[in-house]
Protein backbone atom coordinates (compact mmCIF):
# COMPACT_ATOMS: atom_id res chain seq x y z
CA MET A 1 -9.93 9.81 -7.02
CA ARG A 2 -6.44 8.32 -6.77
CA THR A 3 -5.08 5.36 -8.67
CA GLU A 4 -5.65 2.75 -5.95
CA ALA A 5 -9.36 3.57 -5.69
CA LYS A 6 -9.71 3.45 -9.48
CA VAL A 7 -8.09 0.03 -9.63
CA VAL A 8 -10.37 -1.38 -6.92
CA ALA A 9 -13.47 0.12 -8.58
CA THR A 10 -12.49 -1.32 -11.96
CA VAL A 11 -11.86 -4.78 -10.53
CA PHE A 12 -15.24 -4.71 -8.74
CA ALA A 13 -17.03 -3.62 -11.93
CA LEU A 14 -15.39 -6.14 -14.27
CA SER A 15 -15.87 -8.97 -11.79
CA ALA A 16 -19.56 -8.15 -11.44
CA PHE A 17 -19.95 -8.02 -15.22
CA ALA A 18 -18.26 -11.40 -15.68
CA VAL A 19 -20.30 -13.05 -12.92
CA ALA A 20 -23.56 -11.62 -14.28
CA VAL A 21 -22.81 -12.81 -17.82
CA ILE A 22 -21.84 -16.31 -16.71
CA ALA A 23 -24.82 -16.63 -14.35
CA GLY A 24 -27.25 -15.29 -16.95
CA LEU A 25 -26.02 -17.63 -19.67
CA TYR A 26 -26.03 -20.60 -17.29
CA ALA A 27 -29.64 -19.77 -16.32
CA GLY A 28 -30.60 -19.82 -19.99
CA ASN A 29 -31.68 -16.18 -20.28
CA ALA A 30 -31.76 -14.34 -23.62
CA ALA A 31 -28.51 -12.62 -24.67
CA GLY A 32 -30.04 -9.11 -24.54
CA THR A 33 -31.37 -9.67 -21.03
CA VAL A 34 -28.02 -11.07 -19.88
CA LEU A 35 -26.06 -8.11 -21.24
CA TRP A 36 -28.51 -5.54 -19.87
CA ARG A 37 -28.36 -7.05 -16.38
CA ALA A 38 -24.57 -7.41 -16.59
CA ILE A 39 -24.19 -3.71 -17.46
CA ILE A 40 -26.42 -2.70 -14.55
CA ALA A 41 -24.43 -4.94 -12.20
CA MET A 42 -21.20 -3.45 -13.53
CA LEU A 43 -22.35 0.13 -12.89
CA VAL A 44 -23.59 -0.63 -9.39
CA CYS A 45 -20.38 -2.42 -8.47
CA GLN A 46 -18.30 0.41 -9.97
CA VAL A 47 -19.88 2.78 -7.43
CA LEU A 48 -19.38 0.27 -4.59
CA GLY A 49 -15.79 -0.23 -5.72
CA MET A 50 -15.12 3.51 -5.64
CA PHE A 51 -16.38 3.64 -2.07
CA ALA A 52 -14.36 0.57 -1.03
CA GLY A 53 -11.24 1.82 -2.82
CA SER A 54 -11.43 5.22 -1.17
CA LEU A 55 -11.89 3.59 2.22
CA ILE A 56 -8.91 1.27 1.68
CA GLU A 57 -6.82 4.20 0.47
CA ARG A 58 -7.65 6.25 3.57
CA ILE A 59 -6.83 3.35 5.90
CA ILE A 60 -3.46 2.79 4.22
CA THR A 61 -2.61 6.51 4.33
CA GLU A 62 -3.47 6.79 8.02
CA HIS A 63 -1.53 3.65 8.86
CA ALA A 64 1.55 4.87 6.95
CA ALA A 65 1.40 8.26 8.70
CA ARG A 66 1.09 6.62 12.13
CA TYR A 67 3.96 4.24 11.36
CA SER A 68 6.17 7.10 10.17
CA ALA A 69 5.44 9.06 13.34
CA GLU A 70 6.23 6.07 15.58
CA HIS A 71 9.35 4.99 13.65
CA PRO A 72 11.15 8.10 12.42
CA VAL A 73 14.12 7.73 10.12
CA PRO A 74 17.29 8.69 11.98
CA ARG A 75 19.07 11.77 10.68
CA LEU A 76 22.50 11.01 9.28
CA PRO A 77 25.24 13.44 10.24
CA SER A 78 26.39 15.69 7.45
CA LYS A 79 29.89 17.01 6.85
CA ASP A 80 28.78 20.34 8.36
CA ASP A 81 28.11 18.70 11.73
CA VAL A 82 30.98 19.18 14.16
CA VAL A 83 31.79 16.44 16.62
CA ALA A 84 34.16 17.30 19.44
CA VAL A 85 35.55 14.68 21.80
CA VAL A 86 36.80 16.18 25.04
CA ASP A 87 38.97 14.45 27.65
CA GLU A 88 38.99 11.00 26.13
CA VAL A 89 41.47 8.73 27.87
CA VAL A 90 42.14 5.16 26.90
CA ASP A 91 43.73 3.06 29.61
CA GLU A 92 43.90 -0.34 27.97
CA PRO A 93 46.99 -2.46 28.05
CA LEU A 94 48.23 -3.66 24.70
CA SER A 95 47.31 -7.21 23.91
CA ASP A 96 49.85 -9.70 22.61
CA GLN A 97 48.43 -9.56 19.08
CA SER A 98 48.59 -5.77 18.80
CA ALA A 99 52.11 -5.64 20.31
CA ALA A 100 53.38 -8.21 17.81
CA ALA A 101 51.98 -6.29 14.85
């Protein structure tokens, strides 16, 4: 599992734990019951987060590959490339500014 999927899974798990603790304490449940249910919620949401993170990761990878294929980076000429100009003729009259300089 890559880093992005781990981050999403961790955020899912910690969010579920926090929500379960707050909801359990607000409902007036015993501390042991609240913690037990919060741990179960955390584990379930960790698995859901792994699935969601992997899915998001795959979508981003496919989109980046498609974008790279549609918008290739142009190749810059290197010093080994030879450019030859053949039969170039310039028939432009000199302007007043270039004649004065």
